Amino acid sequence: MLEREKTNYVLDADIQGFFNHLDHKWIERFVESRIKDPNITRLIRRTLKAGIMEDYGYQESPEGSGQGSVCSPILANIYMHYVLLWWFEEKVKPKMRGYCGLIVYADDFVACFQYKEEAEEFYSRLKHRMEHFGLSLEEEKSRLIEFGRFAKERAEREGKKTGTFDFLGFTHYVSESRNGKFRVKRKTSRKKLQKKSREIHAQIKKERHKEISVQVKKLNEILVGYYHYYGLTDNSRSIGLFYREVEKTLYKWLNRRSQKKSYTWEGFREMMKQHPLAKPKIYVSIYA
């Protein structure tokens, strides 16, 4: 969509408190339009009204769907299907002169357009559409950017940087392949990398007094899981940064846990040969 279609503009939108503002009446109507079994709709209604426990007290849920609920992801997808996907395909797309496309995952989405005026028109209509169903866009986090093959060429002529956007934990940016062809590349977003680095710092600090073999086993589970998600084409540098962050943090806390013995980097790496950390690996090849 971003490379092969005539995408020149991307709307990167963020819904404010999506799961907390799902309208129960609309959810019931959406479900009832496809499912006629009253037992199913009754169970869904009970799930929505179940409430939550907070600070040792019960609170009712007049709106929204708790993210811990097993039904919540399904109900959220149903909501987004009717509020956004169906509307885009049936009402928006037929009226567009140029190319347009929509990519949705749960409450996260981006819309692509060929013409700026049509992107701006959609953005305006989208705000009203969301409000009609009890939702609102996070204005500070939602933006329309010039993005694509021609955006790159124009930015180069004007000496400017091309826009980027974050989607599903990746920063998408325009670049080119080794043979000079236009490419959209992806790297771990700074926000996600920093968040995961803080988590790994807390994990290592908490477990620092355990045997190194136990620590490394747990860290390797985290690393491999991280590589499976973020290890895709063009993202070698970012997953390498995370690996080195884990290595540096482990070195730091191993040295702090005892005043009697500390490692030099050379000694640390020699010791780690017996307990190696999982090395960065690309698991997903987009162009294979």
C-alpha atoms as a PDB file:
ATOM      1  CA  MET A   1       0.000   0.000   0.000  1.00  0.00           C
ATOM      2  CA  LEU A   2       2.751   2.463   0.907  1.00  0.00           C
ATOM      3  CA  GLU A   3       5.188   1.374  -1.804  1.00  0.00           C
ATOM      4  CA  ARG A   4       3.108  -0.008  -4.649  1.00  0.00           C
ATOM      5  CA  GLU A   5       0.102   2.314  -4.582  1.00  0.00           C
ATOM      6  CA  LYS A   6      -0.068   6.041  -5.285  1.00  0.00           C
ATOM      7  CA  THR A   7       0.236   7.082  -1.651  1.00  0.00           C
ATOM      8  CA  ASN A   8       1.314  10.699  -1.148  1.00  0.00           C
ATOM      9  CA  TYR A   9      -0.303  11.498   2.209  1.00  0.00           C
ATOM     10  CA  VAL A  10      -0.792   9.495   5.386  1.00  0.00           C
ATOM     11  CA  LEU A  11      -3.204  10.295   8.198  1.00  0.00           C
ATOM     12  CA  ASP A  12      -1.766   8.979  11.449  1.00  0.00           C
ATOM     13  CA  ALA A  13      -4.684   9.176  13.885  1.00  0.00           C
ATOM     14  CA  ASP A  14      -5.003   8.290  17.550  1.00  0.00           C
ATOM     15  CA  ILE A  15      -8.313   7.582  19.300  1.00  0.00           C
ATOM     16  CA  GLN A  16      -8.528   9.005  22.804  1.00  0.00           C
ATOM     17  CA  GLY A  17      -9.183   6.333  25.453  1.00  0.00           C
ATOM     18  CA  PHE A  18     -10.717   3.952  22.930  1.00  0.00           C
ATOM     19  CA  PHE A  19     -11.447   0.993  25.223  1.00  0.00           C
ATOM     20  CA  ASN A  20     -12.816   3.281  27.943  1.00  0.00           C
ATOM     21  CA  HIS A  21     -15.360   4.980  25.687  1.00  0.00           C
ATOM     22  CA  LEU A  22     -17.011   2.182  23.743  1.00  0.00           C
ATOM     23  CA  ASP A  23     -20.741   2.827  23.812  1.00  0.00           C
ATOM     24  CA  HIS A  24     -22.590  -0.239  25.128  1.00  0.00           C
ATOM     25  CA  LYS A  25     -25.761   0.463  23.157  1.00  0.00           C
ATOM     26  CA  TRP A  26     -23.832   0.689  19.903  1.00  0.00           C
ATOM     27  CA  ILE A  27     -21.956  -2.540  20.650  1.00  0.00           C
ATOM     28  CA  GLU A  28     -25.260  -4.336  21.222  1.00  0.00           C
ATOM     29  CA  ARG A  29     -26.696  -2.954  17.983  1.00  0.00           C
ATOM     30  CA  PHE A  30     -23.609  -3.967  15.996  1.00  0.00           C
ATOM     31  CA  VAL A  31     -23.689  -7.502  17.398  1.00  0.00           C
ATOM     32  CA  GLU A  32     -27.447  -7.876  16.904  1.00  0.00           C
ATOM     33  CA  SER A  33     -27.112  -6.902  13.246  1.00  0.00           C
ATOM     34  CA  ARG A  34     -25.198 -10.152  12.623  1.00  0.00           C
ATOM     35  CA  ILE A  35     -26.178 -12.466  15.491  1.00  0.00           C
ATOM     36  CA  LYS A  36     -29.836 -13.263  16.138  1.00  0.00           C
ATOM     37  CA  ASP A  37     -29.324 -15.542  19.135  1.00  0.00           C
ATOM     38  CA  PRO A  38     -30.603 -13.577  22.186  1.00  0.00           C
ATOM     39  CA  ASN A  39     -28.471 -15.719  24.499  1.00  0.00           C
ATOM     40  CA  ILE A  40     -25.279 -14.370  22.926  1.00  0.00           C
ATOM     41  CA  THR A  41     -26.378 -10.749  23.143  1.00  0.00           C
ATOM     42  CA  ARG A  42     -27.478 -11.277  26.743  1.00  0.00           C
ATOM     43  CA  LEU A  43     -24.048 -12.658  27.678  1.00  0.00           C
ATOM     44  CA  ILE A  44     -22.320  -9.740  25.972  1.00  0.00           C
ATOM     45  CA  ARG A  45     -24.566  -7.297  27.820  1.00  0.00           C
ATOM     46  CA  ARG A  46     -23.690  -8.934  31.131  1.00  0.00           C
ATOM     47  CA  THR A  47     -19.991  -8.832  30.292  1.00  0.00           C
ATOM     48  CA  LEU A  48     -20.148  -5.121  29.530  1.00  0.00           C
ATOM     49  CA  LYS A  49     -22.053  -4.376  32.738  1.00  0.00           C
ATOM     50  CA  ALA A  50     -19.835  -6.567  34.923  1.00  0.00           C
ATOM     51  CA  GLY A  51     -17.858  -3.603  36.254  1.00  0.00           C
ATOM     52  CA  ILE A  52     -14.356  -3.590  37.692  1.00  0.00           C
ATOM     53  CA  MET A  53     -12.637  -3.902  41.059  1.00  0.00           C
ATOM     54  CA  GLU A  54     -10.467  -0.895  41.869  1.00  0.00           C
ATOM     55  CA  ASP A  55      -8.894   0.070  45.217  1.00  0.00           C
ATOM     56  CA  TYR A  56     -10.732  -2.843  46.876  1.00  0.00           C
ATOM     57  CA  GLY A  57     -14.071  -1.463  45.721  1.00  0.00           C
ATOM     58  CA  TYR A  58     -16.546  -2.303  42.975  1.00  0.00           C
ATOM     59  CA  GLN A  59     -17.229   0.182  40.182  1.00  0.00           C
ATOM     60  CA  GLU A  60     -19.917  -0.126  37.542  1.00  0.00           C
ATOM     61  CA  SER A  61     -19.027   0.233  33.863  1.00  0.00           C
ATOM     62  CA  PRO A  62     -21.566   2.510  32.165  1.00  0.00           C
ATOM     63  CA  GLU A  63     -19.323   2.643  29.088  1.00  0.00           C
ATOM     64  CA  GLY A  64     -16.169   1.064  27.734  1.00  0.00           C
ATOM     65  CA  SER A  65     -14.853  -2.470  27.721  1.00  0.00           C
ATOM     66  CA  GLY A  66     -12.242  -3.558  30.256  1.00  0.00           C
ATOM     67  CA  GLN A  67      -8.952  -4.415  28.561  1.00  0.00           C
ATOM     68  CA  GLY A  68      -8.514  -7.411  30.841  1.00  0.00           C
ATOM     69  CA  SER A  69     -11.739  -8.982  29.619  1.00  0.00           C
ATOM     70  CA  VAL A  70     -11.444 -11.931  27.224  1.00  0.00           C
ATOM     71  CA  CYS A  71     -14.261 -10.413  25.144  1.00  0.00           C
ATOM     72  CA  SER A  72     -12.745  -6.951  24.950  1.00  0.00           C
ATOM     73  CA  PRO A  73     -10.520  -7.444  21.857  1.00  0.00           C
ATOM     74  CA  ILE A  74     -13.381  -9.045  19.913  1.00  0.00           C
ATOM     75  CA  LEU A  75     -15.869  -6.330  20.858  1.00  0.00           C
ATOM     76  CA  ALA A  76     -13.310  -3.644  20.012  1.00  0.00           C
ATOM     77  CA  ASN A  77     -12.784  -5.151  16.555  1.00  0.00           C
ATOM     78  CA  ILE A  78     -16.539  -5.286  15.961  1.00  0.00           C
ATOM     79  CA  TYR A  79     -16.844  -1.649  17.016  1.00  0.00           C
ATOM     80  CA  MET A  80     -14.019  -0.527  14.718  1.00  0.00           C
ATOM     81  CA  HIS A  81     -15.407  -2.578  11.849  1.00  0.00           C
ATOM     82  CA  TYR A  82     -18.678  -0.661  11.778  1.00  0.00           C
ATOM     83  CA  VAL A  83     -17.431   2.734  12.928  1.00  0.00           C
ATOM     84  CA  LEU A  84     -14.421   2.884  10.624  1.00  0.00           C
ATOM     85  CA  LEU A  85     -13.795  -0.017   8.223  1.00  0.00           C
ATOM     86  CA  TRP A  86     -17.308  -0.456   6.858  1.00  0.00           C
ATOM     87  CA  TRP A  87     -17.802   3.309   6.612  1.00  0.00           C
ATOM     88  CA  PHE A  88     -14.483   3.790   4.805  1.00  0.00           C
ATOM     89  CA  GLU A  89     -15.123   1.046   2.232  1.00  0.00           C
ATOM     90  CA  GLU A  90     -18.806   1.770   1.600  1.00  0.00           C
ATOM     91  CA  LYS A  91     -19.137   5.530   2.075  1.00  0.00           C
ATOM     92  CA  VAL A  92     -15.717   7.153   1.760  1.00  0.00           C
ATOM     93  CA  LYS A  93     -13.822   5.193  -0.879  1.00  0.00           C
ATOM     94  CA  PRO A  94     -16.438   5.346  -3.674  1.00  0.00           C
ATOM     95  CA  LYS A  95     -16.369   9.165  -3.579  1.00  0.00           C
ATOM     96  CA  MET A  96     -12.588   9.524  -3.876  1.00  0.00           C
ATOM     97  CA  ARG A  97     -10.982  10.444  -7.205  1.00  0.00           C
ATOM     98  CA  GLY A  98      -7.543   9.152  -6.292  1.00  0.00           C
ATOM     99  CA  TYR A  99      -6.202   6.166  -4.448  1.00  0.00           C
ATOM    100  CA  CYS A 100      -7.053   5.688  -0.767  1.00  0.00           C
ATOM    101  CA  GLY A 101      -6.478   2.840   1.646  1.00  0.00           C
ATOM    102  CA  LEU A 102      -6.956   2.016   5.310  1.00  0.00           C
ATOM    103  CA  ILE A 103      -4.893  -0.184   7.636  1.00  0.00           C
ATOM    104  CA  VAL A 104      -6.471  -1.071  10.995  1.00  0.00           C
ATOM    105  CA  TYR A 105      -5.282  -3.109  13.962  1.00  0.00           C
ATOM    106  CA  ALA A 106      -7.503  -2.952  17.062  1.00  0.00           C
ATOM    107  CA  ASP A 107      -7.782   0.796  17.849  1.00  0.00           C
ATOM    108  CA  ASP A 108      -4.668   1.741  15.870  1.00  0.00           C
ATOM    109  CA  PHE A 109      -5.013   2.788  12.230  1.00  0.00           C
ATOM    110  CA  VAL A 110      -3.514   4.816   9.395  1.00  0.00           C
ATOM    111  CA  ALA A 111      -5.212   6.047   6.232  1.00  0.00           C
ATOM    112  CA  CYS A 112      -3.371   6.598   2.936  1.00  0.00           C
ATOM    113  CA  PHE A 113      -4.343   9.012   0.172  1.00  0.00           C
ATOM    114  CA  GLN A 114      -3.178  10.140  -3.234  1.00  0.00           C
ATOM    115  CA  TYR A 115      -4.538  13.685  -2.981  1.00  0.00           C
ATOM    116  CA  LYS A 116      -4.090  16.098  -0.093  1.00  0.00           C
ATOM    117  CA  GLU A 117      -7.544  17.668  -0.356  1.00  0.00           C
ATOM    118  CA  GLU A 118      -9.197  14.249  -0.101  1.00  0.00           C
ATOM    119  CA  ALA A 119      -7.051  13.365   2.911  1.00  0.00           C
ATOM    120  CA  GLU A 120      -8.081  16.622   4.604  1.00  0.00           C
ATOM    121  CA  GLU A 121     -11.747  16.013   3.774  1.00  0.00           C
ATOM    122  CA  PHE A 122     -11.560  12.519   5.263  1.00  0.00           C
ATOM    123  CA  TYR A 123      -9.870  13.839   8.413  1.00  0.00           C
ATOM    124  CA  SER A 124     -12.696  16.331   8.913  1.00  0.00           C
ATOM    125  CA  ARG A 125     -15.403  13.721   8.321  1.00  0.00           C
ATOM    126  CA  LEU A 126     -13.602  11.248  10.566  1.00  0.00           C
ATOM    127  CA  LYS A 127     -13.855  13.574  13.565  1.00  0.00           C
ATOM    128  CA  HIS A 128     -17.637  13.795  13.188  1.00  0.00           C
ATOM    129  CA  ARG A 129     -17.911  10.063  12.600  1.00  0.00           C
ATOM    130  CA  MET A 130     -16.025   9.293  15.801  1.00  0.00           C
ATOM    131  CA  GLU A 131     -18.091  11.760  17.844  1.00  0.00           C
ATOM    132  CA  HIS A 132     -21.310  10.162  16.597  1.00  0.00           C
ATOM    133  CA  PHE A 133     -20.217   6.878  18.172  1.00  0.00           C
ATOM    134  CA  GLY A 134     -18.947   8.336  21.441  1.00  0.00           C
ATOM    135  CA  LEU A 135     -15.278   8.504  20.452  1.00  0.00           C
ATOM    136  CA  SER A 136     -12.852  11.345  19.821  1.00  0.00           C
ATOM    137  CA  LEU A 137      -9.472  11.769  18.190  1.00  0.00           C
ATOM    138  CA  GLU A 138      -6.418  12.758  20.207  1.00  0.00           C
ATOM    139  CA  GLU A 139      -5.711  15.998  18.344  1.00  0.00           C
ATOM    140  CA  GLU A 140      -2.131  16.368  19.559  1.00  0.00           C
ATOM    141  CA  LYS A 141      -1.256  12.857  18.413  1.00  0.00           C
ATOM    142  CA  SER A 142      -3.191  12.870  15.135  1.00  0.00           C
ATOM    143  CA  ARG A 143      -1.604  14.410  12.061  1.00  0.00           C
ATOM    144  CA  LEU A 144      -1.611  14.403   8.297  1.00  0.00           C
ATOM    145  CA  ILE A 145       1.856  14.020   6.792  1.00  0.00           C
ATOM    146  CA  GLU A 146       3.260  14.010   3.289  1.00  0.00           C
ATOM    147  CA  PHE A 147       4.637  10.522   2.799  1.00  0.00           C
ATOM    148  CA  GLY A 148       5.654   8.407  -0.159  1.00  0.00           C
ATOM    149  CA  ARG A 149       7.777   8.346  -3.286  1.00  0.00           C
ATOM    150  CA  PHE A 150       7.094  11.928  -4.351  1.00  0.00           C
ATOM    151  CA  ALA A 151       7.301  13.238  -0.780  1.00  0.00           C
ATOM    152  CA  LYS A 152      10.869  11.935  -0.637  1.00  0.00           C
ATOM    153  CA  GLU A 153      11.803  13.560  -3.945  1.00  0.00           C
ATOM    154  CA  ARG A 154      10.227  16.891  -2.950  1.00  0.00           C
ATOM    155  CA  ALA A 155      11.920  16.907   0.445  1.00  0.00           C
ATOM    156  CA  GLU A 156      15.299  16.265  -1.180  1.00  0.00           C
ATOM    157  CA  ARG A 157      14.807  19.178  -3.585  1.00  0.00           C
ATOM    158  CA  GLU A 158      13.843  21.506  -0.731  1.00  0.00           C
ATOM    159  CA  GLY A 159      16.531  20.239   1.640  1.00  0.00           C
ATOM    160  CA  LYS A 160      13.983  19.020   4.199  1.00  0.00           C
ATOM    161  CA  LYS A 161      13.423  15.807   6.089  1.00  0.00           C
ATOM    162  CA  THR A 162      10.536  13.604   5.071  1.00  0.00           C
ATOM    163  CA  GLY A 163       7.811  12.852   7.587  1.00  0.00           C
ATOM    164  CA  THR A 164       7.588   9.630   9.561  1.00  0.00           C
ATOM    165  CA  PHE A 165       4.795   7.937  11.463  1.00  0.00           C
ATOM    166  CA  ASP A 166       4.541   5.247  14.140  1.00  0.00           C
ATOM    167  CA  PHE A 167       2.283   2.238  13.721  1.00  0.00           C
ATOM    168  CA  LEU A 168       2.218  -0.966  15.784  1.00  0.00           C
ATOM    169  CA  GLY A 169       5.467  -0.113  17.528  1.00  0.00           C
ATOM    170  CA  PHE A 170       7.422   0.708  14.369  1.00  0.00           C
ATOM    171  CA  THR A 171       8.507   4.047  12.937  1.00  0.00           C
ATOM    172  CA  HIS A 172       7.830   4.021   9.187  1.00  0.00           C
ATOM    173  CA  TYR A 173      10.125   6.185   7.062  1.00  0.00           C
ATOM    174  CA  VAL A 174      10.938   6.636   3.373  1.00  0.00           C
ATOM    175  CA  SER A 175      14.255   5.402   2.051  1.00  0.00           C
ATOM    176  CA  GLU A 176      15.624   3.421  -0.880  1.00  0.00           C
ATOM    177  CA  SER A 177      16.938  -0.051  -1.585  1.00  0.00           C
ATOM    178  CA  ARG A 178      20.544  -0.881  -2.394  1.00  0.00           C
ATOM    179  CA  ASN A 179      19.845  -0.454  -6.096  1.00  0.00           C
ATOM    180  CA  GLY A 180      18.303   2.976  -5.543  1.00  0.00           C
ATOM    181  CA  LYS A 181      14.614   2.066  -5.727  1.00  0.00           C
ATOM    182  CA  PHE A 182      12.058   3.717  -3.441  1.00  0.00           C
ATOM    183  CA  ARG A 183      11.390   1.812  -0.241  1.00  0.00           C
ATOM    184  CA  VAL A 184       9.419   2.253   2.957  1.00  0.00           C
ATOM    185  CA  LYS A 185      11.521   1.014   5.859  1.00  0.00           C
ATOM    186  CA  ARG A 186      10.696   0.361   9.484  1.00  0.00           C
ATOM    187  CA  LYS A 187      12.525   0.564  12.772  1.00  0.00           C
ATOM    188  CA  THR A 188      11.481   0.151  16.391  1.00  0.00           C
ATOM    189  CA  SER A 189       9.848   3.378  17.542  1.00  0.00           C
ATOM    190  CA  ARG A 190      11.862   5.365  20.060  1.00  0.00           C
ATOM    191  CA  LYS A 191       8.982   5.299  22.528  1.00  0.00           C
ATOM    192  CA  LYS A 192       8.711   1.498  22.440  1.00  0.00           C
ATOM    193  CA  LEU A 193      12.487   1.017  22.624  1.00  0.00           C
ATOM    194  CA  GLN A 194      12.773   3.283  25.658  1.00  0.00           C
ATOM    195  CA  LYS A 195       9.818   1.613  27.377  1.00  0.00           C
ATOM    196  CA  LYS A 196      11.237  -1.872  26.872  1.00  0.00           C
ATOM    197  CA  SER A 197      14.670  -0.709  28.031  1.00  0.00           C
ATOM    198  CA  ARG A 198      13.143   0.585  31.282  1.00  0.00           C
ATOM    199  CA  GLU A 199      11.349  -2.719  31.765  1.00  0.00           C
ATOM    200  CA  ILE A 200      14.532  -4.722  31.232  1.00  0.00           C
ATOM    201  CA  HIS A 201      16.405  -2.455  33.644  1.00  0.00           C
ATOM    202  CA  ALA A 202      13.793  -3.133  36.340  1.00  0.00           C
ATOM    203  CA  GLN A 203      13.839  -6.875  35.568  1.00  0.00           C
ATOM    204  CA  ILE A 204      17.626  -7.183  35.892  1.00  0.00           C
ATOM    205  CA  LYS A 205      17.738  -5.047  39.030  1.00  0.00           C
ATOM    206  CA  LYS A 206      15.060  -7.181  40.659  1.00  0.00           C
ATOM    207  CA  GLU A 207      16.754 -10.490  39.759  1.00  0.00           C
ATOM    208  CA  ARG A 208      20.369  -9.374  40.268  1.00  0.00           C
ATOM    209  CA  HIS A 209      21.040 -11.629  43.271  1.00  0.00           C
ATOM    210  CA  LYS A 210      20.028 -14.813  41.457  1.00  0.00           C
ATOM    211  CA  GLU A 211      22.477 -17.142  39.738  1.00  0.00           C
ATOM    212  CA  ILE A 212      23.692 -15.793  36.410  1.00  0.00           C
ATOM    213  CA  SER A 213      22.353 -18.880  34.603  1.00  0.00           C
ATOM    214  CA  VAL A 214      18.866 -18.196  35.972  1.00  0.00           C
ATOM    215  CA  GLN A 215      19.045 -14.520  35.003  1.00  0.00           C
ATOM    216  CA  VAL A 216      20.253 -15.242  31.475  1.00  0.00           C
ATOM    217  CA  LYS A 217      17.562 -17.873  30.913  1.00  0.00           C
ATOM    218  CA  LYS A 218      14.866 -15.320  31.734  1.00  0.00           C
ATOM    219  CA  LEU A 219      16.557 -12.586  29.697  1.00  0.00           C
ATOM    220  CA  ASN A 220      16.822 -14.872  26.676  1.00  0.00           C
ATOM    221  CA  GLU A 221      13.092 -15.559  26.832  1.00  0.00           C
ATOM    222  CA  ILE A 222      12.509 -11.806  26.717  1.00  0.00           C
ATOM    223  CA  LEU A 223      15.075 -11.246  23.956  1.00  0.00           C
ATOM    224  CA  VAL A 224      13.767 -14.002  21.689  1.00  0.00           C
ATOM    225  CA  GLY A 225      10.198 -12.751  22.117  1.00  0.00           C
ATOM    226  CA  TYR A 226      11.395  -9.242  21.281  1.00  0.00           C
ATOM    227  CA  TYR A 227      13.237 -10.435  18.159  1.00  0.00           C
ATOM    228  CA  HIS A 228      10.198 -12.380  16.982  1.00  0.00           C
ATOM    229  CA  TYR A 229       8.146  -9.179  16.937  1.00  0.00           C
ATOM    230  CA  TYR A 230      10.682  -6.504  16.026  1.00  0.00           C
ATOM    231  CA  GLY A 231      13.082  -8.652  14.008  1.00  0.00           C
ATOM    232  CA  LEU A 232      11.935  -7.771  10.512  1.00  0.00           C
ATOM    233  CA  THR A 233      13.569  -6.441   7.358  1.00  0.00           C
ATOM    234  CA  ASP A 234      15.604  -3.222   7.859  1.00  0.00           C
ATOM    235  CA  ASN A 235      15.368  -3.288  11.666  1.00  0.00           C
ATOM    236  CA  SER A 236      18.705  -4.920  12.482  1.00  0.00           C
ATOM    237  CA  ARG A 237      20.146  -1.760  14.020  1.00  0.00           C
ATOM    238  CA  SER A 238      17.256  -1.241  16.453  1.00  0.00           C
ATOM    239  CA  ILE A 239      17.172  -4.798  17.743  1.00  0.00           C
ATOM    240  CA  GLY A 240      20.959  -4.612  18.044  1.00  0.00           C
ATOM    241  CA  LEU A 241      20.575  -1.508  20.217  1.00  0.00           C
ATOM    242  CA  PHE A 242      18.191  -3.362  22.488  1.00  0.00           C
ATOM    243  CA  TYR A 243      20.579  -6.312  22.765  1.00  0.00           C
ATOM    244  CA  ARG A 244      23.419  -3.993  23.774  1.00  0.00           C
ATOM    245  CA  GLU A 245      21.148  -2.259  26.297  1.00  0.00           C
ATOM    246  CA  VAL A 246      20.432  -5.622  27.929  1.00  0.00           C
ATOM    247  CA  GLU A 247      24.126  -6.465  27.936  1.00  0.00           C
ATOM    248  CA  LYS A 248      25.148  -3.118  29.480  1.00  0.00           C
ATOM    249  CA  THR A 249      22.428  -3.280  32.130  1.00  0.00           C
ATOM    250  CA  LEU A 250      23.372  -6.817  33.122  1.00  0.00           C
ATOM    251  CA  TYR A 251      27.039  -5.794  33.376  1.00  0.00           C
ATOM    252  CA  LYS A 252      26.114  -2.828  35.563  1.00  0.00           C
ATOM    253  CA  TRP A 253      24.013  -4.780  38.068  1.00  0.00           C
ATOM    254  CA  LEU A 254      26.341  -7.769  38.278  1.00  0.00           C
ATOM    255  CA  ASN A 255      29.062  -5.360  39.350  1.00  0.00           C
ATOM    256  CA  ARG A 256      26.809  -3.689  41.908  1.00  0.00           C
ATOM    257  CA  ARG A 257      25.540  -6.787  43.623  1.00  0.00           C
ATOM    258  CA  SER A 258      28.857  -7.481  45.368  1.00  0.00           C
ATOM    259  CA  GLN A 259      31.645  -5.234  46.583  1.00  0.00           C
ATOM    260  CA  LYS A 260      34.068  -8.146  46.732  1.00  0.00           C
ATOM    261  CA  LYS A 261      34.105  -8.916  43.033  1.00  0.00           C
ATOM    262  CA  SER A 262      33.544  -6.777  39.991  1.00  0.00           C
ATOM    263  CA  TYR A 263      33.998  -7.427  36.302  1.00  0.00           C
ATOM    264  CA  THR A 264      35.911  -5.569  33.653  1.00  0.00           C
ATOM    265  CA  TRP A 265      34.214  -5.623  30.253  1.00  0.00           C
ATOM    266  CA  GLU A 266      36.756  -8.195  29.126  1.00  0.00           C
ATOM    267  CA  GLY A 267      36.081 -10.387  32.156  1.00  0.00           C
ATOM    268  CA  PHE A 268      32.328  -9.959  31.804  1.00  0.00           C
ATOM    269  CA  ARG A 269      32.339 -11.053  28.163  1.00  0.00           C
ATOM    270  CA  GLU A 270      34.574 -14.004  28.959  1.00  0.00           C
ATOM    271  CA  MET A 271      32.136 -15.091  31.665  1.00  0.00           C
ATOM    272  CA  MET A 272      29.168 -14.602  29.313  1.00  0.00           C
ATOM    273  CA  LYS A 273      30.625 -17.152  26.898  1.00  0.00           C
ATOM    274  CA  GLN A 274      29.385 -19.737  29.394  1.00  0.00           C
ATOM    275  CA  HIS A 275      25.945 -18.088  29.588  1.00  0.00           C
ATOM    276  CA  PRO A 276      25.409 -16.386  26.207  1.00  0.00           C
ATOM    277  CA  LEU A 277      22.603 -13.926  25.599  1.00  0.00           C
ATOM    278  CA  ALA A 278      20.434 -14.587  22.551  1.00  0.00           C
ATOM    279  CA  LYS A 279      21.888 -12.635  19.631  1.00  0.00           C
ATOM    280  CA  PRO A 280      19.718 -10.355  17.462  1.00  0.00           C
ATOM    281  CA  LYS A 281      18.027 -12.151  14.591  1.00  0.00           C
ATOM    282  CA  ILE A 282      15.732 -11.120  11.751  1.00  0.00           C
ATOM    283  CA  TYR A 283      12.746 -13.472  11.792  1.00  0.00           C
ATOM    284  CA  VAL A 284      10.493 -11.776   9.233  1.00  0.00           C
ATOM    285  CA  SER A 285      11.586 -10.940   5.698  1.00  0.00           C
ATOM    286  CA  ILE A 286       9.039  -8.602   4.117  1.00  0.00           C
ATOM    287  CA  TYR A 287      10.349  -9.108   0.601  1.00  0.00           C
ATOM    288  CA  ALA A 288      11.016 -12.854   0.703  1.00  0.00           C
END
